[in-house]
Amino acid sequence: MSEKGSEQPINSANSAAHVGDAEKAPHEHKKIAAAKEKVNKQQQKLKDKKDPPGGYDATPIPPARDGYTVRFTFHRAENLPISDLNSRSSDPYIHATLSSALQKRHKEDPEMTLRTPTVHEKTDPEWEYKWTVAGVPSSGFRLKCRIYDEDPSDHDDRLGNVTISVGQIGLNWRGIKEESFDIKKRMGSKRAYMIRGCAVLFSGAHMGGKLYLSAEVLGESDPPHGRMYTVGETAWTKHYSPMIGRITGTKAPGSSQDGQDSKTEKYDFQANEFQLQGPVPAELYHRFVEFKPFVKGMFSKAGLRGRLLNKALHHQHARVYNFSNSTEYGIVPPCSEEASLQFLKMVHYDEGGRIFTYVITTDGLFRFTETGKEFGIDLLSKHTMHSDVNIYISCSGEFFVRRLKHPNQSAESPSQETHPDTDLPGGPPNSPPPQNPSNYELVIDNDSGTYRPKGELLPLLKEFLSHQFPGLHIVTKECTDEKLIRMKEGQRERKKKEGKNIMMVQNSDDEISSSDEERLDDHTKRAGKAKMVGVLENPKDAVKDFIPGEKGRKEREKREVAGDQPEVEGERSGV
């Protein structure tokens, strides 16, 4: 009995221990699962840091059964409201958006858009501007024309809208032949129409305006079908930025001589746009890279920080690609020697050792500006600004132009010599540049941390540009190519000797950009971080710090405050 009695407590204790272990087991499993999940998250974070989402996107173009080439002509407008009391006129232009029922690769794909040149000081402007688009489906299209008054020192006033919807097109479509459409005033500027109302009272003029348009089918587009793209006009635009020119105090050569101002004053910093003939190769399709946590919010306008950065970059794009009475426009035959020469003129041939930053949009709009370390802008991702914060583009990077000693030989021939590496006779810096495109090579790369274009696709870019610029030698190189790095260093050295123009650097998108190896100093970096903190503490005032040239320029702030406000219904809405 004593032995049995003594064993009972021991068995009870063992049983209690087993029960305790059983209760602890689920808790231990949860801890292990949580630890594994934490490790997985850390591993994914490291993977995303090494290979973040974005870059090349292999999504194919959704196929369509047909496509037609349509030519739109923006003829003229009548009886537009007066936006400027001083000149008693307006500076009107059309911003057109073309859409259709075609399925997009992604919903974020940019719309087809066109901006006509500005006609200055007219309320009855004549544009006679053509836009030829291929791939328009037989199910029709919707063309929305927003008419604005250009105002470089303020926001552009909306003068009204015209929307045309066509439900069916084909080879037998009768088209639209210089028909007039009433300009809807509902979305127009209240200020402009108030002035117009006063003019009607005193002069008996009509209140309503009209826009004259044409549209015709030119034929079937080349397959494969599934996307719309611009095939004409091959138009170019040169912008002279007042913001950067005023900050640097630098004017374009020839705008003032011997202390006397010329009739037209152009600032030194130049931004360029060149419409290439589509289609851009379908494989050239890249999304922004989420290389830092805030980048996704910046593109999608998510959260306070993302909205502020997105707004600042849109504003910066508008300032750099600024339209004013100094803006130059032109049209050249597509894929011609004239197109090659015009491009060379815009990049100043091989003068000055220039390096350019570029973006090619999904519709083939080639945007580029000179870049360098002489001019710094905080919190500005360069390719993001050039793309106007577009989520998808075709390609981006940097390029420069060199003059060849042997134009009839390959640009990469062992016996080939180039300026600026070698002082070649018959061109800059001692003589005018030769006017034959075959004398030059365009060296272009994929040096962009924002979009990180795929290096294996550079041969497609070479083929596309060779078609656009006949005679010009096109050389494509990976941004990590050692020879390319040495060539860029040679360009910078030549810039120090020959170049006298102010250049502009936008802070690098990422560590891979070789053009930004010479970073802004630590003070500038700390200032940038301080501004980010300021965003969270005082968003309203912090916005001004993001916009270069705003801080400390009270007069300009007063002029541009209206342009910085969110668009509102009835005045500046884009819908």
Protein backbone atom coordinates (compact mmCIF):
# COMPACT_ATOMS: atom_id res chain seq x y z
CA MET A 1 0.00 0.00 0.00
CA SER A 2 2.76 2.38 0.86
CA GLU A 3 4.40 1.80 -2.53
CA LYS A 4 1.15 2.33 -4.44
CA GLY A 5 0.39 5.40 -2.39
CA SER A 6 3.78 6.84 -3.08
CA GLU A 7 3.48 6.21 -6.84
CA GLN A 8 0.19 8.08 -7.24
CA PRO A 9 1.58 11.61 -6.77
CA ILE A 10 4.39 10.86 -9.21
CA ASN A 11 1.94 9.78 -11.93
CA SER A 12 -0.16 12.89 -11.30
CA ALA A 13 2.87 15.10 -11.66
CA ASN A 14 3.85 13.43 -14.92
CA SER A 15 0.34 13.85 -16.23
CA ALA A 16 0.35 17.52 -15.34
CA ALA A 17 3.68 17.97 -17.09
CA HIS A 18 2.34 16.37 -20.24
CA VAL A 19 -0.69 18.64 -20.13
CA GLY A 20 1.56 21.67 -19.75
CA ASP A 21 3.69 20.59 -22.69
CA ALA A 22 0.57 20.08 -24.78
CA GLU A 23 -0.61 23.61 -23.95
CA LYS A 24 2.79 25.11 -24.79
CA ALA A 25 3.09 23.27 -28.10
CA PRO A 26 0.66 25.50 -30.13
CA HIS A 27 2.31 28.59 -28.69
CA GLU A 28 5.75 27.32 -29.69
CA HIS A 29 4.48 26.51 -33.19
CA LYS A 30 3.14 30.05 -33.52
CA LYS A 31 6.47 31.51 -32.45
CA ILE A 32 8.30 29.35 -34.97
CA ALA A 33 5.86 30.29 -37.72
CA ALA A 34 6.21 33.98 -36.87
CA ALA A 35 10.00 33.68 -36.93
CA LYS A 36 9.89 31.94 -40.31
CA GLU A 37 7.57 34.61 -41.68
CA LYS A 38 9.91 37.31 -40.43
CA VAL A 39 12.87 35.60 -42.10
CA ASN A 40 10.90 35.23 -45.34
CA LYS A 41 10.00 38.92 -45.28
CA GLN A 42 13.62 39.86 -44.72
CA GLN A 43 14.70 37.60 -47.58
CA GLN A 44 12.06 39.10 -49.86
CA LYS A 45 13.15 42.58 -48.83
CA LEU A 46 16.75 41.76 -49.72
CA LYS A 47 15.61 40.24 -53.01
CA ASP A 48 13.52 43.33 -53.85
CA LYS A 49 16.45 45.56 -52.96
CA LYS A 50 18.70 43.60 -55.30
CA ASP A 51 16.10 43.13 -58.02
CA PRO A 52 13.16 45.50 -57.33
CA PRO A 53 9.90 45.31 -59.30
CA GLY A 54 9.83 47.23 -62.56
CA GLY A 55 12.06 47.65 -65.59
CA TYR A 56 11.42 45.57 -68.68
CA ASP A 57 7.80 44.39 -69.04
CA ALA A 58 7.15 41.47 -71.39
CA THR A 59 3.36 41.93 -71.47
CA PRO A 60 2.30 41.54 -75.13
CA ILE A 61 0.06 44.01 -76.96
CA PRO A 62 -3.53 42.66 -76.92
CA PRO A 63 -4.35 41.80 -80.55
CA ALA A 64 -7.11 43.48 -82.56
CA ARG A 65 -8.75 42.36 -85.80
CA ASP A 66 -8.11 45.57 -87.76
CA GLY A 67 -6.65 49.05 -87.73
CA TYR A 68 -6.86 52.13 -89.93
CA THR A 69 -4.68 55.18 -90.45
CA VAL A 70 -6.58 58.39 -89.75
CA ARG A 71 -5.43 61.94 -90.41
CA PHE A 72 -6.83 64.64 -88.14
CA THR A 73 -6.53 68.29 -89.14
CA PHE A 74 -7.00 71.12 -86.65
CA HIS A 75 -7.91 73.99 -88.95
CA ARG A 76 -8.92 77.03 -86.96
CA ALA A 77 -11.13 78.46 -84.23
CA GLU A 78 -13.44 81.45 -84.21
CA ASN A 79 -14.61 83.86 -81.57
CA LEU A 80 -12.46 82.64 -78.70
CA PRO A 81 -12.66 84.60 -75.44
CA ILE A 82 -10.09 87.26 -74.59
CA SER A 83 -7.74 86.16 -71.82
CA ASP A 84 -5.31 89.08 -71.86
CA LEU A 85 -6.77 92.54 -71.36
CA ASN A 86 -3.50 94.22 -72.28
CA SER A 87 -3.39 92.77 -75.79
CA ARG A 88 -7.17 92.25 -75.97
CA SER A 89 -6.54 88.78 -77.35
CA SER A 90 -5.46 85.27 -76.40
CA ASP A 91 -2.58 82.91 -77.14
CA PRO A 92 -4.56 79.75 -77.99
CA TYR A 93 -3.40 76.18 -78.55
CA ILE A 94 -5.13 72.79 -78.63
CA HIS A 95 -4.33 69.87 -76.38
CA ALA A 96 -5.92 66.81 -78.05
CA THR A 97 -6.46 63.37 -76.49
CA LEU A 98 -7.32 60.37 -78.67
CA SER A 99 -8.83 57.21 -77.18
CA SER A 100 -10.54 54.08 -78.47
CA ALA A 101 -11.97 50.75 -77.34
CA LEU A 102 -8.62 48.99 -77.81
CA GLN A 103 -7.49 47.04 -74.76
CA LYS A 104 -4.29 48.38 -73.20
CA ARG A 105 -1.38 46.31 -71.95
CA HIS A 106 -1.88 47.99 -68.59
CA LYS A 107 -4.46 50.50 -67.45
CA GLU A 108 -1.60 52.89 -66.59
CA ASP A 109 -0.46 53.13 -70.23
CA PRO A 110 -0.45 56.81 -71.24
CA GLU A 111 -3.12 58.17 -73.56
CA MET A 112 -2.38 59.37 -77.09
CA THR A 113 -1.98 63.15 -76.88
CA LEU A 114 -0.95 66.04 -79.12
CA ARG A 115 -0.25 69.72 -78.47
CA THR A 116 -0.48 72.11 -81.39
CA PRO A 117 1.81 75.13 -81.66
CA THR A 118 0.55 78.29 -80.00
CA VAL A 119 -0.90 81.07 -82.14
CA HIS A 120 -0.10 84.30 -80.34
CA GLU A 121 -2.43 87.26 -79.88
CA LYS A 122 -5.40 85.85 -81.80
CA THR A 123 -9.01 85.12 -80.93
CA ASP A 124 -9.55 83.64 -84.40
CA PRO A 125 -6.46 81.43 -84.63
CA GLU A 126 -5.48 79.31 -87.63
CA TRP A 127 -3.41 76.21 -86.97
CA GLU A 128 -3.82 73.98 -90.03
CA TYR A 129 -1.99 71.34 -88.01
CA LYS A 130 -2.13 67.66 -88.97
CA TRP A 131 -1.93 64.57 -86.76
CA THR A 132 -1.75 61.18 -88.48
CA VAL A 133 -2.46 58.15 -86.28
CA ALA A 134 -2.22 54.48 -87.31
CA GLY A 135 -3.95 51.53 -85.67
CA VAL A 136 -7.33 53.19 -85.07
CA PRO A 137 -9.86 50.31 -84.76
CA SER A 138 -13.00 50.00 -86.87
CA SER A 139 -15.00 50.46 -83.65
CA GLY A 140 -14.16 54.17 -83.86
CA PHE A 141 -12.52 56.74 -81.64
CA ARG A 142 -13.07 59.60 -79.23
CA LEU A 143 -11.18 62.84 -79.84
CA LYS A 144 -11.24 65.42 -77.06
CA CYS A 145 -9.85 68.87 -77.85
CA ARG A 146 -9.10 71.17 -74.94
CA ILE A 147 -8.38 74.73 -76.00
CA TYR A 148 -6.09 76.74 -73.72
CA ASP A 149 -4.63 80.21 -73.53
CA GLU A 150 -0.86 79.99 -73.09
CA ASP A 151 0.49 81.97 -70.15
CA PRO A 152 4.14 81.18 -69.28
CA SER A 153 4.10 83.27 -66.08
CA ASP A 154 0.82 81.83 -64.78
CA HIS A 155 -1.40 78.79 -65.32
CA ASP A 156 -2.89 78.31 -68.79
CA ASP A 157 -6.57 79.30 -68.87
CA ARG A 158 -9.02 76.79 -70.33
CA LEU A 159 -10.98 78.41 -73.15
CA GLY A 160 -13.31 75.48 -73.74
CA ASN A 161 -13.69 71.90 -74.99
CA VAL A 162 -14.80 70.07 -78.11
CA THR A 163 -15.38 66.31 -77.98
CA ILE A 164 -15.97 64.19 -81.08
CA SER A 165 -17.11 60.56 -80.81
CA VAL A 166 -17.19 58.37 -83.92
CA GLY A 167 -18.75 54.92 -83.50
CA GLN A 168 -17.55 53.20 -86.67
CA ILE A 169 -14.85 53.78 -89.31
CA GLY A 170 -13.61 51.91 -92.37
CA LEU A 171 -12.35 52.42 -95.89
CA ASN A 172 -15.81 53.74 -96.88
CA TRP A 173 -16.16 56.13 -93.94
CA ARG A 174 -17.10 59.55 -95.28
CA GLY A 175 -15.00 61.29 -92.64
CA ILE A 176 -15.25 64.82 -91.27
CA LYS A 177 -14.51 67.60 -93.73
CA GLU A 178 -13.67 70.92 -92.06
CA GLU A 179 -16.82 70.83 -89.96
CA SER A 180 -17.49 73.35 -87.22
CA PHE A 181 -18.09 72.29 -83.62
CA ASP A 182 -19.42 74.45 -80.83
CA ILE A 183 -16.87 75.08 -78.10
CA LYS A 184 -18.32 74.07 -74.75
CA LYS A 185 -17.85 76.78 -72.18
CA ARG A 186 -18.70 74.66 -69.15
CA MET A 187 -15.06 73.71 -68.62
CA GLY A 188 -13.67 77.08 -69.70
CA SER A 189 -11.91 79.65 -67.56
CA LYS A 190 -14.36 81.82 -65.64
CA ARG A 191 -11.98 84.74 -65.95
CA ALA A 192 -11.74 84.45 -69.74
CA TYR A 193 -15.48 84.17 -70.21
CA MET A 194 -16.18 87.03 -67.83
CA ILE A 195 -13.99 89.23 -70.03
CA ARG A 196 -15.78 87.83 -73.06
CA GLY A 197 -19.15 88.63 -71.51
CA CYS A 198 -18.12 92.25 -71.00
CA ALA A 199 -17.01 92.44 -74.66
CA VAL A 200 -20.39 91.09 -75.78
CA LEU A 201 -22.21 93.77 -73.78
CA PHE A 202 -20.22 96.64 -75.24
CA SER A 203 -19.60 95.45 -78.80
CA GLY A 204 -22.49 93.16 -79.62
CA ALA A 205 -20.16 90.26 -80.42
CA HIS A 206 -21.30 86.65 -80.16
CA MET A 207 -20.60 84.73 -76.96
CA GLY A 208 -20.03 81.27 -78.45
CA GLY A 209 -16.95 80.05 -80.29
CA LYS A 210 -16.36 77.35 -82.89
CA LEU A 211 -13.59 74.90 -83.70
CA TYR A 212 -13.09 73.58 -87.25
CA LEU A 213 -11.76 70.03 -87.65
CA SER A 214 -11.28 67.35 -90.29
CA ALA A 215 -10.73 63.60 -90.08
CA GLU A 216 -10.19 61.15 -92.92
CA VAL A 217 -9.19 57.50 -93.29
CA LEU A 218 -6.02 57.17 -95.38
CA GLY A 219 -6.10 53.39 -95.57
CA GLU A 220 -5.50 50.23 -93.58
CA SER A 221 -2.60 50.25 -91.13
CA ASP A 222 0.16 47.69 -91.31
CA PRO A 223 -0.37 44.64 -89.08
CA PRO A 224 -0.09 43.57 -86.34
CA HIS A 225 -3.02 45.55 -84.98
CA GLY A 226 -3.80 46.31 -81.36
CA ARG A 227 -2.37 49.76 -80.57
CA MET A 228 -2.59 53.29 -81.91
CA TYR A 229 0.58 55.25 -82.67
CA THR A 230 1.64 58.51 -84.31
CA VAL A 231 3.07 58.36 -87.85
CA GLY A 232 2.99 62.10 -88.57
CA GLU A 233 3.81 64.90 -88.44
CA THR A 234 7.51 64.56 -87.65
CA ALA A 235 7.44 67.70 -85.54
CA TRP A 236 10.14 69.16 -83.32
CA THR A 237 10.00 71.71 -80.53
CA LYS A 238 12.74 73.68 -78.76
CA HIS A 239 11.88 75.07 -75.33
CA TYR A 240 13.82 77.79 -73.56
CA SER A 241 13.21 77.58 -69.83
CA PRO A 242 12.67 80.92 -68.06
CA MET A 243 13.06 79.24 -64.69
CA ILE A 244 16.56 77.92 -65.25
CA GLY A 245 17.63 80.91 -67.32
CA ARG A 246 16.56 83.35 -64.64
CA ILE A 247 18.17 81.34 -61.85
CA THR A 248 21.50 81.17 -63.69
CA GLY A 249 21.18 84.61 -65.24
CA THR A 250 22.29 83.10 -68.53
CA LYS A 251 20.81 83.94 -71.93
CA ALA A 252 21.15 82.15 -75.22
CA PRO A 253 24.03 83.22 -77.44
CA GLY A 254 23.01 86.19 -79.56
CA SER A 255 20.11 87.26 -77.38
CA SER A 256 22.08 90.29 -76.19
CA GLN A 257 25.22 91.84 -77.57
CA ASP A 258 27.37 94.73 -76.34
CA GLY A 259 24.94 95.37 -73.54
CA GLN A 260 22.01 95.83 -75.92
CA ASP A 261 19.11 93.40 -75.84
CA SER A 262 17.95 91.94 -79.10
CA LYS A 263 14.32 91.84 -80.15
CA THR A 264 13.82 88.34 -78.78
CA GLU A 265 15.38 87.10 -75.57
CA LYS A 266 15.99 83.38 -75.14
CA TYR A 267 17.43 81.76 -72.07
CA ASP A 268 20.37 79.46 -72.33
CA PHE A 269 18.86 76.24 -71.03
CA GLN A 270 17.18 74.32 -73.83
CA ALA A 271 14.80 71.35 -73.69
CA ASN A 272 13.90 69.46 -76.85
CA GLU A 273 11.08 67.29 -78.19
CA PHE A 274 11.24 65.33 -81.44
CA GLN A 275 8.29 63.22 -82.62
CA LEU A 276 9.58 59.99 -84.14
CA GLN A 277 7.52 58.04 -86.65
CA GLY A 278 5.84 55.03 -85.05
CA PRO A 279 5.50 52.35 -84.20
CA VAL A 280 8.17 52.07 -81.53
CA PRO A 281 9.22 48.39 -81.28
CA ALA A 282 6.69 46.65 -79.03
CA GLU A 283 9.48 45.03 -77.00
CA LEU A 284 10.72 48.46 -75.88
CA TYR A 285 8.34 48.69 -72.95
CA HIS A 286 9.58 49.57 -69.46
CA ARG A 287 7.94 50.37 -66.13
CA PHE A 288 9.44 52.51 -63.39
CA VAL A 289 11.58 50.57 -60.90
CA GLU A 290 10.60 50.57 -57.22
CA PHE A 291 14.20 50.95 -56.07
CA LYS A 292 13.15 52.95 -53.01
CA PRO A 293 9.98 52.76 -50.89
CA PHE A 294 8.69 56.21 -51.79
CA VAL A 295 8.99 55.71 -55.58
CA LYS A 296 5.78 53.73 -56.03
CA GLY A 297 3.79 56.36 -54.15
CA MET A 298 5.38 59.10 -56.25
CA PHE A 299 4.16 57.53 -59.51
CA SER A 300 0.74 56.45 -58.21
CA LYS A 301 0.17 59.61 -56.13
CA ALA A 302 -0.44 57.46 -53.06
CA GLY A 303 -0.20 59.13 -49.69
CA LEU A 304 0.77 62.68 -48.78
CA ARG A 305 4.43 62.23 -49.66
CA GLY A 306 3.63 60.64 -53.03
CA ARG A 307 1.17 63.37 -54.01
CA LEU A 308 3.62 66.12 -53.13
CA LEU A 309 6.49 64.56 -55.06
CA ASN A 310 4.25 63.79 -58.04
CA LYS A 311 3.02 67.38 -58.11
CA ALA A 312 6.53 68.78 -57.80
CA LEU A 313 7.79 66.67 -60.72
CA HIS A 314 4.83 67.59 -62.93
CA HIS A 315 5.52 71.24 -62.15
CA GLN A 316 9.21 70.75 -62.88
CA HIS A 317 8.41 69.12 -66.22
CA ALA A 318 6.17 72.05 -67.14
CA ARG A 319 8.92 74.53 -66.22
CA VAL A 320 11.68 72.73 -68.13
CA TYR A 321 9.49 72.02 -71.18
CA ASN A 322 8.08 75.51 -70.94
CA PHE A 323 5.99 76.97 -73.78
CA SER A 324 6.29 80.71 -74.45
CA ASN A 325 6.70 83.14 -77.32
CA SER A 326 10.36 82.06 -77.53
CA THR A 327 9.47 78.40 -78.18
CA GLU A 328 10.50 77.21 -81.64
CA TYR A 329 8.45 74.75 -83.72
CA GLY A 330 9.12 72.94 -86.95
CA ILE A 331 8.21 69.97 -89.15
CA VAL A 332 10.57 67.82 -91.24
CA PRO A 333 9.92 64.91 -93.61
CA PRO A 334 9.79 61.65 -91.64
CA CYS A 335 12.82 59.35 -91.62
CA SER A 336 14.80 61.69 -93.87
CA GLU A 337 18.20 63.35 -94.06
CA GLU A 338 16.43 66.60 -93.12
CA ALA A 339 15.28 64.89 -89.91
CA SER A 340 18.85 63.81 -89.16
CA LEU A 341 20.20 67.33 -89.72
CA GLN A 342 17.49 68.88 -87.56
CA PHE A 343 18.34 66.50 -84.74
CA LEU A 344 22.04 67.36 -85.08
CA LYS A 345 21.21 71.06 -84.93
CA MET A 346 19.22 70.54 -81.74
CA VAL A 347 22.16 68.80 -80.05
CA HIS A 348 24.66 71.36 -81.48
CA TYR A 349 26.46 68.72 -83.56
CA ASP A 350 29.68 67.68 -81.78
CA GLU A 351 30.31 71.04 -80.14
CA GLY A 352 31.26 71.39 -76.50
CA GLY A 353 31.46 67.78 -75.35
CA ARG A 354 27.79 67.70 -74.41
CA ILE A 355 26.00 64.73 -72.81
CA PHE A 356 22.21 64.51 -73.00
CA THR A 357 19.57 62.81 -70.89
CA TYR A 358 16.69 61.34 -72.90
CA VAL A 359 13.35 59.57 -72.69
CA ILE A 360 11.38 58.00 -75.55
CA THR A 361 7.68 57.69 -74.73
CA THR A 362 5.51 54.77 -75.79
CA ASP A 363 4.24 56.92 -78.69
CA GLY A 364 7.74 57.77 -79.89
CA LEU A 365 8.14 61.30 -78.49
CA PHE A 366 11.89 61.81 -78.03
CA ARG A 367 12.59 64.24 -75.15
CA PHE A 368 16.11 65.30 -74.22
CA THR A 369 18.13 67.98 -72.44
CA GLU A 370 21.78 68.52 -71.80
CA THR A 371 22.94 67.26 -68.41
CA GLY A 372 25.98 67.79 -66.21
CA LYS A 373 27.14 68.59 -62.71
CA GLU A 374 27.12 72.38 -62.99
CA PHE A 375 23.51 72.88 -62.00
CA GLY A 376 21.90 70.92 -59.15
CA ILE A 377 18.24 70.38 -58.36
CA ASP A 378 17.23 68.65 -55.13
CA LEU A 379 14.81 65.73 -55.06
CA LEU A 380 14.57 65.47 -58.82
CA SER A 381 14.74 62.11 -60.54
CA LYS A 382 15.85 63.07 -64.01
CA HIS A 383 14.10 60.49 -66.18
CA THR A 384 10.98 60.77 -64.04
CA MET A 385 10.85 64.48 -64.83
CA HIS A 386 11.46 63.98 -68.57
CA SER A 387 8.72 61.34 -68.78
CA ASP A 388 6.34 63.66 -66.89
CA VAL A 389 5.99 60.91 -64.24
CA ASN A 390 4.70 58.35 -66.75
CA ILE A 391 4.54 54.84 -65.33
CA TYR A 392 5.46 53.24 -68.68
CA ILE A 393 7.90 54.45 -71.34
CA SER A 394 9.76 52.85 -74.23
CA CYS A 395 13.38 53.65 -73.35
CA SER A 396 15.56 56.10 -71.41
CA GLY A 397 19.21 56.81 -70.77
CA GLU A 398 21.91 59.17 -72.03
CA PHE A 399 23.53 59.97 -75.36
CA PHE A 400 26.16 62.14 -76.99
CA VAL A 401 27.27 62.94 -80.55
CA ARG A 402 30.79 62.65 -81.98
CA ARG A 403 32.29 63.62 -85.34
CA LEU A 404 34.01 60.90 -87.36
CA LYS A 405 37.30 61.22 -89.21
CA HIS A 406 36.23 58.58 -91.76
CA PRO A 407 32.49 59.05 -92.49
CA ASN A 408 32.41 56.13 -94.94
CA GLN A 409 33.77 53.66 -92.41
CA SER A 410 31.95 52.01 -89.52
CA ALA A 411 31.82 54.12 -86.39
CA GLU A 412 33.36 51.20 -84.48
CA SER A 413 36.13 50.47 -86.99
CA PRO A 414 39.60 50.10 -85.33
CA SER A 415 40.99 52.82 -87.61
CA GLN A 416 38.16 55.26 -86.84
CA GLU A 417 38.97 58.46 -84.95
CA THR A 418 36.45 60.82 -83.38
CA HIS A 419 36.15 64.33 -82.03
CA PRO A 420 36.37 65.22 -79.16
CA ASP A 421 38.92 62.45 -78.44
CA THR A 422 40.99 63.74 -81.34
CA ASP A 423 41.22 67.30 -82.67
CA LEU A 424 39.92 66.70 -86.18
CA PRO A 425 40.06 69.43 -88.84
CA GLY A 426 36.95 70.66 -90.65
CA GLY A 427 34.67 71.15 -87.67
CA PRO A 428 34.31 72.45 -84.10
CA PRO A 429 35.86 74.08 -82.23
CA ASN A 430 37.74 75.93 -85.01
CA SER A 431 35.37 75.55 -87.98
CA PRO A 432 31.62 75.27 -88.58
CA PRO A 433 30.26 71.72 -88.25
CA PRO A 434 29.86 69.64 -91.45
CA GLN A 435 26.27 69.42 -92.68
CA ASN A 436 26.30 65.76 -93.70
CA PRO A 437 24.82 63.32 -91.12
CA SER A 438 27.31 60.61 -92.15
CA ASN A 439 30.05 62.68 -90.48
CA TYR A 440 28.60 61.93 -87.04
CA GLU A 441 27.87 59.06 -84.68
CA LEU A 442 25.14 59.01 -82.03
CA VAL A 443 26.27 57.00 -79.00
CA ILE A 444 23.21 56.13 -76.92
CA ASP A 445 22.83 53.94 -73.82
CA ASN A 446 20.34 52.68 -71.23
CA ASP A 447 21.76 54.65 -68.29
CA SER A 448 18.53 55.16 -66.34
CA GLY A 449 17.92 54.01 -62.78
CA THR A 450 14.26 55.04 -62.92
CA TYR A 451 13.27 52.60 -65.70
CA ARG A 452 16.39 50.42 -66.15
CA PRO A 453 15.89 49.55 -69.83
CA LYS A 454 16.96 46.03 -70.73
CA GLY A 455 20.40 45.93 -72.32
CA GLU A 456 19.52 43.01 -74.60
CA LEU A 457 16.97 45.27 -76.34
CA LEU A 458 19.48 47.94 -77.38
CA PRO A 459 19.86 46.44 -80.89
CA LEU A 460 16.13 47.14 -81.40
CA LEU A 461 16.69 50.73 -80.32
CA LYS A 462 19.61 50.98 -82.78
CA GLU A 463 17.49 49.67 -85.64
CA PHE A 464 14.63 52.04 -84.78
CA LEU A 465 16.84 55.15 -84.58
CA SER A 466 18.77 54.21 -87.72
CA HIS A 467 15.45 54.25 -89.56
CA GLN A 468 14.48 57.62 -88.04
CA PHE A 469 17.81 59.36 -88.75
CA PRO A 470 19.22 58.15 -92.11
CA GLY A 471 22.95 58.66 -92.58
CA LEU A 472 23.67 59.09 -88.88
CA HIS A 473 25.84 56.31 -87.41
CA ILE A 474 24.00 54.82 -84.41
CA VAL A 475 26.01 53.09 -81.68
CA THR A 476 24.26 51.55 -78.67
CA LYS A 477 26.08 50.54 -75.50
CA GLU A 478 25.22 49.15 -72.09
CA CYS A 479 25.56 51.74 -69.34
CA THR A 480 28.16 49.54 -67.58
CA ASP A 481 30.38 49.26 -70.68
CA GLU A 482 33.92 50.33 -69.75
CA LYS A 483 34.60 51.94 -73.12
CA LEU A 484 31.39 53.96 -72.77
CA ILE A 485 32.45 55.17 -69.33
CA ARG A 486 35.79 56.33 -70.76
CA MET A 487 34.03 58.05 -73.67
CA LYS A 488 31.77 59.96 -71.27
CA GLU A 489 34.77 61.03 -69.27
CA GLY A 490 36.30 62.32 -72.50
CA GLN A 491 33.12 64.29 -73.18
CA ARG A 492 33.34 65.91 -69.75
CA GLU A 493 36.98 66.82 -70.24
CA ARG A 494 36.17 68.40 -73.61
CA LYS A 495 33.28 70.27 -71.98
CA LYS A 496 35.73 71.94 -69.63
CA LYS A 497 37.81 73.11 -72.60
CA GLU A 498 35.14 73.99 -75.17
CA GLY A 499 31.81 74.29 -73.42
CA LYS A 500 30.64 77.60 -72.02
CA ASN A 501 26.95 76.94 -71.64
CA ILE A 502 25.20 76.29 -68.36
CA MET A 503 24.19 72.65 -67.98
CA MET A 504 21.68 71.07 -65.66
CA VAL A 505 21.94 67.94 -63.54
CA GLN A 506 18.96 66.16 -62.11
CA ASN A 507 19.72 64.01 -59.08
CA SER A 508 20.43 60.45 -60.13
CA ASP A 509 17.59 57.95 -60.13
CA ASP A 510 19.84 55.25 -58.73
CA GLU A 511 23.41 54.24 -58.14
CA ILE A 512 23.89 52.83 -61.67
CA SER A 513 23.91 56.22 -63.43
CA SER A 514 27.50 56.79 -64.50
CA SER A 515 26.82 60.42 -65.41
CA ASP A 516 26.13 61.18 -61.78
CA GLU A 517 29.29 59.70 -60.30
CA GLU A 518 30.27 63.20 -59.28
CA ARG A 519 27.45 63.77 -56.84
CA LEU A 520 26.33 66.89 -55.12
CA ASP A 521 28.26 67.40 -51.89
CA ASP A 522 27.07 66.15 -48.49
CA HIS A 523 25.53 69.49 -47.60
CA THR A 524 23.19 69.30 -50.59
CA LYS A 525 22.23 65.73 -49.69
CA ARG A 526 21.47 66.69 -46.11
CA ALA A 527 19.40 69.60 -47.35
CA GLY A 528 17.36 67.20 -49.46
CA LYS A 529 16.65 64.96 -46.49
CA ALA A 530 15.67 67.95 -44.38
CA LYS A 531 13.13 68.93 -47.01
CA MET A 532 11.58 65.47 -46.85
CA VAL A 533 11.14 65.84 -43.10
CA GLY A 534 9.62 69.25 -43.72
CA VAL A 535 7.02 67.67 -45.99
CA LEU A 536 5.61 65.67 -43.12
CA GLU A 537 5.74 68.56 -40.67
CA ASN A 538 4.39 71.31 -42.88
CA PRO A 539 3.25 70.04 -46.32
CA LYS A 540 1.89 73.37 -47.52
CA ASP A 541 5.15 75.26 -47.11
CA ALA A 542 7.33 72.31 -48.07
CA VAL A 543 5.86 72.17 -51.59
CA LYS A 544 7.58 75.45 -52.38
CA ASP A 545 10.97 73.99 -51.50
CA PHE A 546 10.50 71.15 -53.98
CA ILE A 547 10.00 73.54 -56.92
CA PRO A 548 13.38 74.90 -57.99
CA GLY A 549 13.63 78.67 -58.17
CA GLU A 550 10.51 79.26 -56.08
CA LYS A 551 12.02 79.86 -52.67
CA GLY A 552 13.03 83.47 -52.18
CA ARG A 553 11.30 84.69 -55.32
CA LYS A 554 8.12 86.21 -53.96
CA GLU A 555 7.11 87.93 -57.15
CA ARG A 556 7.19 84.70 -59.11
CA GLU A 557 5.30 82.88 -56.36
CA LYS A 558 2.50 85.42 -56.67
CA ARG A 559 2.29 84.93 -60.43
CA GLU A 560 2.37 81.13 -60.27
CA VAL A 561 0.25 80.44 -57.20
CA ALA A 562 -2.83 79.84 -59.34
CA GLY A 563 -0.97 77.34 -61.47
CA ASP A 564 0.12 75.38 -58.40
CA GLN A 565 -3.42 74.83 -57.13
CA PRO A 566 -5.26 71.55 -57.78
CA GLU A 567 -7.48 71.61 -60.83
CA VAL A 568 -11.13 72.19 -59.97
CA GLU A 569 -14.37 71.49 -61.79
CA GLY A 570 -15.39 74.23 -64.19
CA GLU A 571 -11.98 75.85 -64.40
CA ARG A 572 -9.01 73.56 -64.96
CA SER A 573 -10.40 70.05 -64.82
CA GLY A 574 -8.91 67.61 -67.28
CA VAL A 575 -12.19 65.74 -67.71
